């Protein structure tokens, strides 16, 4: 895959590669794609949670119970 960029964007990518420890511009672009995938997955999970039915309130007792279950493992 080849990507054409205007000179200003190419310069920006080159600065990011040099300044942030990427070996090549391809590594930088791959990292951007991975971050976008993560962002989209998080957005999907947040939307699923927002559209799900309400649950019991989360209070101190809930967290104490959770700590007890984790501590017993």
N, C-alpha and C. Protein backbone atom coordinates (compact mmCIF):
# COMPACT_ATOMS: atom_id res chain seq x y z
N UNK A 1 0.85 -1.16 0.00
CA UNK A 1 0.00 0.00 0.00
C UNK A 1 0.90 1.23 0.00
N UNK A 2 0.59 2.14 -0.86
CA UNK A 2 1.30 3.42 -0.89
C UNK A 2 0.33 4.53 -0.55
N UNK A 3 0.82 5.49 0.20
CA UNK A 3 0.00 6.63 0.60
C UNK A 3 0.71 7.90 0.18
N UNK A 4 -0.02 8.75 -0.53
CA UNK A 4 0.53 10.04 -0.93
C UNK A 4 0.08 11.10 0.07
N UNK A 5 1.03 11.91 0.52
CA UNK A 5 0.72 12.97 1.47
C UNK A 5 1.20 14.30 0.93
N UNK A 6 0.47 15.36 1.24
CA UNK A 6 1.00 16.68 0.91
C UNK A 6 2.29 16.92 1.71
N UNK A 7 3.10 17.82 1.24
CA UNK A 7 4.41 18.04 1.86
C UNK A 7 4.30 18.37 3.35
N UNK A 8 3.32 19.15 3.74
CA UNK A 8 3.18 19.51 5.16
C UNK A 8 2.91 18.28 6.02
N UNK A 9 2.06 17.38 5.56
CA UNK A 9 1.79 16.17 6.32
C UNK A 9 2.98 15.23 6.33
N UNK A 10 3.68 15.14 5.21
CA UNK A 10 4.89 14.31 5.15
C UNK A 10 5.92 14.82 6.14
N UNK A 11 6.09 16.13 6.22
CA UNK A 11 7.05 16.71 7.17
C UNK A 11 6.63 16.38 8.60
N UNK A 12 5.33 16.47 8.88
CA UNK A 12 4.83 16.14 10.21
C UNK A 12 5.13 14.69 10.55
N UNK A 13 4.85 13.78 9.64
CA UNK A 13 5.12 12.36 9.87
C UNK A 13 6.61 12.15 10.10
N UNK A 14 7.44 12.75 9.29
CA UNK A 14 8.89 12.61 9.45
C UNK A 14 9.34 13.11 10.82
N UNK A 15 8.75 14.21 11.31
CA UNK A 15 9.09 14.73 12.64
C UNK A 15 8.68 13.74 13.72
N UNK A 16 7.50 13.14 13.57
CA UNK A 16 7.03 12.17 14.55
C UNK A 16 7.92 10.94 14.58
N UNK A 17 8.32 10.49 13.40
CA UNK A 17 9.20 9.31 13.31
C UNK A 17 10.53 9.60 14.01
N UNK A 18 11.10 10.75 13.71
CA UNK A 18 12.40 11.11 14.28
C UNK A 18 12.31 11.40 15.78
N UNK A 19 11.26 12.07 16.19
CA UNK A 19 11.17 12.52 17.57
C UNK A 19 10.57 11.54 18.55
N UNK A 20 9.88 10.53 18.05
CA UNK A 20 9.17 9.62 18.97
C UNK A 20 9.68 8.19 18.90
N UNK A 21 10.79 7.99 18.22
CA UNK A 21 11.44 6.69 18.26
C UNK A 21 10.92 5.64 17.30
N UNK A 22 10.16 6.03 16.32
CA UNK A 22 9.72 5.06 15.31
C UNK A 22 10.86 4.83 14.32
N UNK A 23 10.98 3.61 13.83
CA UNK A 23 12.03 3.30 12.87
C UNK A 23 11.70 3.80 11.47
N UNK A 24 10.43 3.76 11.13
CA UNK A 24 10.01 4.17 9.79
C UNK A 24 8.64 4.84 9.87
N UNK A 25 8.29 5.51 8.80
CA UNK A 25 6.96 6.11 8.74
C UNK A 25 5.87 5.03 8.74
N UNK A 26 6.17 3.86 8.22
CA UNK A 26 5.20 2.76 8.25
C UNK A 26 4.88 2.35 9.68
N UNK A 27 5.89 2.31 10.55
CA UNK A 27 5.64 1.98 11.95
C UNK A 27 4.71 3.02 12.59
N UNK A 28 4.95 4.28 12.28
CA UNK A 28 4.12 5.35 12.82
C UNK A 28 2.68 5.20 12.36
N UNK A 29 2.48 4.95 11.08
CA UNK A 29 1.13 4.81 10.53
C UNK A 29 0.44 3.58 11.12
N UNK A 30 1.17 2.47 11.28
CA UNK A 30 0.59 1.27 11.89
C UNK A 30 0.11 1.57 13.31
N UNK A 31 0.93 2.33 14.07
CA UNK A 31 0.54 2.70 15.43
C UNK A 31 -0.73 3.55 15.43
N UNK A 32 -0.83 4.49 14.50
CA UNK A 32 -2.04 5.30 14.39
C UNK A 32 -3.26 4.44 14.09
N UNK A 33 -3.10 3.47 13.21
CA UNK A 33 -4.22 2.58 12.87
C UNK A 33 -4.62 1.75 14.08
N UNK A 34 -3.64 1.22 14.81
CA UNK A 34 -3.96 0.44 16.02
C UNK A 34 -4.71 1.30 17.04
N UNK A 35 -4.26 2.52 17.23
CA UNK A 35 -4.93 3.41 18.18
C UNK A 35 -6.35 3.71 17.74
N UNK A 36 -6.55 3.87 16.45
CA UNK A 36 -7.90 4.13 15.95
C UNK A 36 -8.78 2.90 16.15
N UNK A 37 -8.23 1.71 15.93
CA UNK A 37 -8.99 0.49 16.20
C UNK A 37 -9.39 0.43 17.67
N UNK A 38 -8.44 0.72 18.57
CA UNK A 38 -8.74 0.71 20.00
C UNK A 38 -9.82 1.74 20.34
N UNK A 39 -9.72 2.92 19.75
CA UNK A 39 -10.69 3.98 20.00
C UNK A 39 -12.09 3.55 19.55
N UNK A 40 -12.16 2.94 18.37
CA UNK A 40 -13.46 2.49 17.86
C UNK A 40 -14.04 1.38 18.72
N UNK A 41 -13.19 0.46 19.20
CA UNK A 41 -13.66 -0.62 20.07
C UNK A 41 -14.18 -0.04 21.39
N UNK A 42 -13.44 0.90 21.97
CA UNK A 42 -13.88 1.53 23.20
C UNK A 42 -15.20 2.25 23.00
N UNK A 43 -15.33 2.97 21.90
CA UNK A 43 -16.58 3.68 21.61
C UNK A 43 -17.74 2.71 21.51
N UNK A 44 -17.51 1.59 20.85
CA UNK A 44 -18.55 0.57 20.71
C UNK A 44 -18.97 0.03 22.08
N UNK A 45 -17.99 -0.26 22.94
CA UNK A 45 -18.30 -0.77 24.27
C UNK A 45 -19.05 0.26 25.10
N UNK A 46 -18.64 1.53 24.99
CA UNK A 46 -19.34 2.58 25.73
C UNK A 46 -20.79 2.73 25.26
N UNK A 47 -20.99 2.66 23.95
CA UNK A 47 -22.36 2.76 23.43
C UNK A 47 -23.21 1.56 23.85
N UNK A 48 -22.60 0.36 23.86
CA UNK A 48 -23.33 -0.81 24.33
C UNK A 48 -23.73 -0.64 25.79
N UNK A 49 -22.80 -0.15 26.60
CA UNK A 49 -23.09 0.07 28.01
C UNK A 49 -24.16 1.12 28.21
N UNK A 50 -24.11 2.18 27.42
CA UNK A 50 -25.09 3.25 27.55
C UNK A 50 -26.48 2.79 27.16
N UNK A 51 -26.56 1.84 26.25
CA UNK A 51 -27.88 1.39 25.81
C UNK A 51 -28.37 0.16 26.56
N UNK A 52 -27.57 -0.34 27.49
CA UNK A 52 -27.98 -1.52 28.25
C UNK A 52 -28.92 -1.11 29.39
N UNK A 53 -29.70 -2.04 29.88
CA UNK A 53 -30.62 -1.70 30.96
C UNK A 53 -29.85 -1.37 32.25
N UNK A 54 -30.44 -0.56 33.10
CA UNK A 54 -29.78 -0.21 34.36
C UNK A 54 -29.60 -1.45 35.24
N UNK A 55 -28.59 -1.40 36.07
CA UNK A 55 -28.33 -2.49 37.02
C UNK A 55 -28.48 -1.95 38.44
N UNK A 56 -28.22 -2.80 39.38
CA UNK A 56 -28.28 -2.39 40.79
C UNK A 56 -27.23 -1.31 41.03
N UNK A 57 -27.49 -0.39 41.93
CA UNK A 57 -26.52 0.66 42.22
C UNK A 57 -25.20 0.07 42.73
N UNK A 58 -24.13 0.71 42.37
CA UNK A 58 -22.81 0.30 42.83
C UNK A 58 -22.47 1.18 44.03
N UNK A 59 -22.34 0.53 45.19
CA UNK A 59 -22.06 1.26 46.42
C UNK A 59 -20.88 0.62 47.14
N UNK A 60 -20.62 1.07 48.36
CA UNK A 60 -19.49 0.52 49.13
C UNK A 60 -19.62 -0.98 49.34
N UNK A 61 -20.82 -1.45 49.58
CA UNK A 61 -21.04 -2.88 49.80
C UNK A 61 -20.66 -3.69 48.56
N UNK A 62 -20.96 -3.17 47.38
CA UNK A 62 -20.59 -3.86 46.15
C UNK A 62 -19.07 -4.02 46.07
N UNK A 63 -18.35 -2.93 46.33
CA UNK A 63 -16.89 -2.99 46.23
C UNK A 63 -16.28 -3.86 47.33
N UNK A 64 -16.85 -3.87 48.51
CA UNK A 64 -16.37 -4.75 49.57
C UNK A 64 -16.55 -6.21 49.18
N UNK A 65 -17.71 -6.51 48.60
CA UNK A 65 -17.97 -7.86 48.13
C UNK A 65 -16.99 -8.25 47.03
N UNK A 66 -16.72 -7.34 46.14
CA UNK A 66 -15.78 -7.60 45.06
C UNK A 66 -14.38 -7.85 45.60
N UNK A 67 -13.95 -7.03 46.56
CA UNK A 67 -12.63 -7.23 47.18
C UNK A 67 -12.55 -8.59 47.87
N UNK A 68 -13.63 -8.97 48.54
CA UNK A 68 -13.64 -10.26 49.25
C UNK A 68 -13.52 -11.41 48.26
N UNK A 69 -14.22 -11.32 47.13
CA UNK A 69 -14.14 -12.39 46.12
C UNK A 69 -12.75 -12.47 45.52
N UNK A 70 -12.14 -11.33 45.24
CA UNK A 70 -10.80 -11.31 44.65
C UNK A 70 -9.78 -11.80 45.68
N UNK A 71 -9.95 -11.37 46.93
CA UNK A 71 -9.01 -11.77 47.98
C UNK A 71 -9.04 -13.25 48.29
N UNK A 72 -10.16 -13.90 48.05
CA UNK A 72 -10.27 -15.33 48.34
C UNK A 72 -9.66 -16.21 47.26
N UNK A 73 -9.24 -15.62 46.18
CA UNK A 73 -8.66 -16.43 45.08
C UNK A 73 -7.22 -16.71 45.28
